[in-house]
Amino acid sequence: MKPRHLPLIGREIRILSRKLIELERGLRRLAPMLSSTVSTNGARKDNRHSRRLSAKARASMVLQGRYMGYMRQLKPRQQAQVRKVREATGVRSAISTARQMTLCLR
């Protein structure tokens, strides 16, 4: 003797599998459109090439990155001290000051 709900379950499974197939087809059509306009981190991707950086600009960005990397490790009072050093004597000396402060933290 068969329970009455078995044919209903089979029917529901067939309906769900058809819906999943439709969803997959829709996503396959949508994927190329999305991948061409949005990068993985959510930022909009342009099709133009980025500008080439001069050696001076690249060096400036490297220094800025080092400065920020050290500043993130410091406490607010130490950050203020490093900012004063940067205003007075420049980025390179501020980086060395911040580096020494972070070495003292370890």
Protein backbone atom coordinates (compact mmCIF):
# COMPACT_ATOMS: atom_id res chain seq x y z
CA MET A 1 0.00 0.00 0.00
CA LYS A 2 1.43 3.39 -1.11
CA PRO A 3 1.05 6.51 0.97
CA ARG A 4 -0.96 9.22 -0.78
CA HIS A 5 1.63 11.98 -0.53
CA LEU A 6 4.39 10.22 -2.51
CA PRO A 7 3.07 11.30 -5.95
CA LEU A 8 2.78 14.88 -4.66
CA ILE A 9 6.39 14.88 -3.49
CA GLY A 10 7.59 13.61 -6.87
CA ARG A 11 5.60 16.31 -8.62
CA GLU A 12 7.01 19.03 -6.37
CA ILE A 13 10.57 17.77 -6.98
CA ARG A 14 10.03 17.92 -10.76
CA ILE A 15 8.63 21.45 -10.52
CA LEU A 16 11.57 22.58 -8.37
CA SER A 17 14.13 21.03 -10.73
CA ARG A 18 12.53 22.86 -13.69
CA LYS A 19 12.63 26.14 -11.76
CA LEU A 20 16.31 25.59 -10.92
CA ILE A 21 17.09 24.95 -14.58
CA GLU A 22 15.32 28.19 -15.53
CA LEU A 23 17.21 30.08 -12.85
CA GLU A 24 20.52 28.68 -14.06
CA ARG A 25 19.77 29.74 -17.64
CA GLY A 26 18.88 33.24 -16.49
CA LEU A 27 22.08 33.54 -14.48
CA ARG A 28 24.16 32.31 -17.40
CA ARG A 29 22.68 35.06 -19.58
CA LEU A 30 23.19 37.67 -16.86
CA ALA A 31 26.75 36.76 -15.86
CA PRO A 32 28.55 38.19 -18.93
CA MET A 33 26.77 41.51 -18.51
CA LEU A 34 27.73 41.77 -14.86
CA SER A 35 31.33 40.65 -15.22
CA SER A 36 32.05 43.24 -17.90
CA THR A 37 30.90 46.21 -15.81
CA VAL A 38 31.70 45.36 -12.19
CA SER A 39 34.90 44.04 -10.71
CA THR A 40 34.99 41.59 -7.80
CA ASN A 41 35.23 44.20 -5.06
CA GLY A 42 32.21 46.15 -6.25
CA ALA A 43 34.12 49.03 -7.81
CA ARG A 44 33.04 50.01 -11.30
CA LYS A 45 35.50 48.83 -13.92
CA ASP A 46 36.27 51.15 -16.82
CA ASN A 47 37.58 49.87 -20.10
CA ARG A 48 40.22 52.57 -20.38
CA HIS A 49 43.78 51.94 -19.38
CA SER A 50 45.18 53.50 -16.26
CA ARG A 51 47.74 56.21 -16.71
CA ARG A 52 51.37 55.37 -16.45
CA LEU A 53 52.94 56.77 -13.34
CA SER A 54 56.18 58.64 -13.50
CA ALA A 55 59.02 57.44 -11.32
CA LYS A 56 58.53 60.44 -9.06
CA ALA A 57 54.80 59.78 -8.64
CA ARG A 58 55.38 56.08 -7.97
CA ALA A 59 58.04 56.87 -5.35
CA SER A 60 55.66 59.32 -3.73
CA MET A 61 52.96 56.66 -3.55
CA VAL A 62 55.38 54.14 -2.03
CA LEU A 63 56.37 56.64 0.66
CA GLN A 64 52.73 57.45 1.34
CA GLY A 65 51.97 53.75 1.75
CA ARG A 66 54.82 53.25 4.19
CA TYR A 67 53.78 56.32 6.15
CA MET A 68 50.18 55.14 6.40
CA GLY A 69 51.24 51.61 7.31
CA TYR A 70 53.26 52.84 10.26
CA MET A 71 50.68 55.41 11.30
CA ARG A 72 47.96 52.75 11.59
CA GLN A 73 50.01 50.94 14.21
CA LEU A 74 50.47 53.97 16.44
CA LYS A 75 48.33 55.40 19.20
CA PRO A 76 46.70 58.81 18.62
CA ARG A 77 49.26 60.72 20.70
CA GLN A 78 52.13 59.10 18.80
CA GLN A 79 50.39 59.84 15.49
CA ALA A 80 50.23 63.51 16.45
CA GLN A 81 53.97 63.50 17.18
CA VAL A 82 54.72 61.90 13.81
CA ARG A 83 52.48 64.45 12.03
CA LYS A 84 54.48 67.27 13.60
CA VAL A 85 57.72 65.64 12.44
CA ARG A 86 56.26 65.32 8.96
CA GLU A 87 55.29 68.99 8.82
CA ALA A 88 58.66 70.09 10.14
CA THR A 89 61.13 67.85 8.35
CA GLY A 90 59.28 65.80 5.71
CA VAL A 91 57.87 62.39 5.02
CA ARG A 92 61.08 60.38 5.13
CA SER A 93 61.99 61.49 8.63
CA ALA A 94 58.38 60.99 9.75
CA ILE A 95 58.55 57.41 8.47
CA SER A 96 61.75 56.71 10.35
CA THR A 97 60.28 58.24 13.53
CA ALA A 98 57.11 56.16 13.19
CA ARG A 99 59.16 53.04 12.50
CA GLN A 100 61.15 53.55 15.68
CA MET A 101 57.94 54.09 17.66
CA THR A 102 56.45 50.85 16.31
CA LEU A 103 59.63 48.95 17.15
CA CYS A 104 59.32 50.18 20.74
CA LEU A 105 55.79 48.74 20.87
CA ARG A 106 57.02 45.21 20.21
